[in-house]
Amino acid sequence: MKTYLKIQFSSEAGFPSKIIDKLEGIGWKPVMGDYDFVMEGGIGEGVGASYKKMVDELHTALRGTGVRYSLYSFY
């Protein structure tokens, strides 16, 4: 499964470089194109649980930064 992340910075948000560091610290990889980051995960039992964990970690990392985000996942 791949999950793509699109983020929207604001001048009221934290520095983009610090936000990128946070995302890389929890396993997101920067990409060029329609989306800003990708997270790759395995397929099998527990995918739902691992997806929930990934989304919770993402939400926690971005909380308070003023960044808006959207996700797109597929197998």
C-alpha atoms as a PDB file:
ATOM      1  CA  MET A   1       0.000   0.000   0.000  1.00  0.00           C
ATOM      2  CA  LYS A   2       1.188   3.513  -0.755  1.00  0.00           C
ATOM      3  CA  THR A   3      -0.228   6.573   0.937  1.00  0.00           C
ATOM      4  CA  TYR A   4       0.417   9.975  -0.557  1.00  0.00           C
ATOM      5  CA  LEU A   5       0.344  13.170   1.471  1.00  0.00           C
ATOM      6  CA  LYS A   6      -0.373  16.628   0.172  1.00  0.00           C
ATOM      7  CA  ILE A   7       0.325  19.509   2.524  1.00  0.00           C
ATOM      8  CA  GLN A   8      -0.599  23.163   2.409  1.00  0.00           C
ATOM      9  CA  PHE A   9       1.703  25.577   4.181  1.00  0.00           C
ATOM     10  CA  SER A  10       0.623  28.905   5.617  1.00  0.00           C
ATOM     11  CA  SER A  11       2.749  31.916   6.394  1.00  0.00           C
ATOM     12  CA  GLU A  12       1.228  31.625   9.887  1.00  0.00           C
ATOM     13  CA  ALA A  13       2.547  28.057  10.192  1.00  0.00           C
ATOM     14  CA  GLY A  14       5.950  26.866  11.309  1.00  0.00           C
ATOM     15  CA  PHE A  15       8.954  26.941   9.014  1.00  0.00           C
ATOM     16  CA  PRO A  16       8.507  24.508   6.110  1.00  0.00           C
ATOM     17  CA  SER A  17      11.955  22.978   6.710  1.00  0.00           C
ATOM     18  CA  LYS A  18      11.014  22.081  10.310  1.00  0.00           C
ATOM     19  CA  ILE A  19       7.729  20.530   9.143  1.00  0.00           C
ATOM     20  CA  ILE A  20       9.563  18.513   6.482  1.00  0.00           C
ATOM     21  CA  ASP A  21      12.001  17.298   9.157  1.00  0.00           C
ATOM     22  CA  LYS A  22       9.064  16.179  11.333  1.00  0.00           C
ATOM     23  CA  LEU A  23       7.502  14.262   8.448  1.00  0.00           C
ATOM     24  CA  GLU A  24      10.761  12.578   7.490  1.00  0.00           C
ATOM     25  CA  GLY A  25      11.247  11.678  11.153  1.00  0.00           C
ATOM     26  CA  ILE A  26       8.077   9.573  11.111  1.00  0.00           C
ATOM     27  CA  GLY A  27       8.867   7.848   7.817  1.00  0.00           C
ATOM     28  CA  TRP A  28       7.417  10.071   5.079  1.00  0.00           C
ATOM     29  CA  LYS A  29       9.559  10.468   1.944  1.00  0.00           C
ATOM     30  CA  PRO A  30       9.443  13.650  -0.159  1.00  0.00           C
ATOM     31  CA  VAL A  31       8.320  13.195  -3.784  1.00  0.00           C
ATOM     32  CA  MET A  32       7.859  15.512  -6.735  1.00  0.00           C
ATOM     33  CA  GLY A  33       4.567  15.775  -8.582  1.00  0.00           C
ATOM     34  CA  ASP A  34       0.941  15.951  -7.539  1.00  0.00           C
ATOM     35  CA  TYR A  35       1.751  15.006  -3.940  1.00  0.00           C
ATOM     36  CA  ASP A  36       4.445  16.129  -1.529  1.00  0.00           C
ATOM     37  CA  PHE A  37       5.266  12.917   0.388  1.00  0.00           C
ATOM     38  CA  VAL A  38       4.756   9.156   0.179  1.00  0.00           C
ATOM     39  CA  MET A  39       4.585   6.445   2.838  1.00  0.00           C
ATOM     40  CA  GLU A  40       4.905   2.840   1.727  1.00  0.00           C
ATOM     41  CA  GLY A  41       3.523  -0.017   3.786  1.00  0.00           C
ATOM     42  CA  GLY A  42       2.946  -3.737   3.509  1.00  0.00           C
ATOM     43  CA  ILE A  43      -0.205  -5.544   2.492  1.00  0.00           C
ATOM     44  CA  GLY A  44      -1.623  -8.227   4.733  1.00  0.00           C
ATOM     45  CA  GLU A  45      -3.225  -8.694   8.104  1.00  0.00           C
ATOM     46  CA  GLY A  46      -3.216  -5.636  10.260  1.00  0.00           C
ATOM     47  CA  VAL A  47      -3.201  -3.117   7.399  1.00  0.00           C
ATOM     48  CA  GLY A  48      -6.138  -1.305   8.981  1.00  0.00           C
ATOM     49  CA  ALA A  49      -4.343  -1.094  12.308  1.00  0.00           C
ATOM     50  CA  SER A  50      -1.080   0.087  10.723  1.00  0.00           C
ATOM     51  CA  TYR A  51      -2.984   2.682   8.671  1.00  0.00           C
ATOM     52  CA  LYS A  52      -4.652   4.033  11.807  1.00  0.00           C
ATOM     53  CA  LYS A  53      -1.283   4.206  13.559  1.00  0.00           C
ATOM     54  CA  MET A  54       0.297   6.030  10.597  1.00  0.00           C
ATOM     55  CA  VAL A  55      -2.543   8.560  10.422  1.00  0.00           C
ATOM     56  CA  ASP A  56      -2.418   9.155  14.184  1.00  0.00           C
ATOM     57  CA  GLU A  57       1.371   9.708  14.035  1.00  0.00           C
ATOM     58  CA  LEU A  58       0.936  12.114  11.122  1.00  0.00           C
ATOM     59  CA  HIS A  59      -1.801  14.036  12.896  1.00  0.00           C
ATOM     60  CA  THR A  60       0.262  14.263  16.081  1.00  0.00           C
ATOM     61  CA  ALA A  61       3.359  15.453  14.182  1.00  0.00           C
ATOM     62  CA  LEU A  62       1.400  18.193  12.383  1.00  0.00           C
ATOM     63  CA  ARG A  63      -0.744  19.273  15.346  1.00  0.00           C
ATOM     64  CA  GLY A  64      -0.120  22.912  16.171  1.00  0.00           C
ATOM     65  CA  THR A  65       1.891  23.629  13.011  1.00  0.00           C
ATOM     66  CA  GLY A  66      -0.925  25.342  11.104  1.00  0.00           C
ATOM     67  CA  VAL A  67      -0.413  22.938   8.181  1.00  0.00           C
ATOM     68  CA  ARG A  68      -3.410  21.476   6.378  1.00  0.00           C
ATOM     69  CA  TYR A  69      -3.099  18.050   4.793  1.00  0.00           C
ATOM     70  CA  SER A  70      -4.901  15.449   2.726  1.00  0.00           C
ATOM     71  CA  LEU A  71      -4.191  11.752   2.140  1.00  0.00           C
ATOM     72  CA  TYR A  72      -4.666   9.407  -0.824  1.00  0.00           C
ATOM     73  CA  SER A  73      -4.017   5.674  -0.404  1.00  0.00           C
ATOM     74  CA  PHE A  74      -4.086   2.724  -2.781  1.00  0.00           C
ATOM     75  CA  TYR A  75      -2.795  -0.847  -3.105  1.00  0.00           C
END
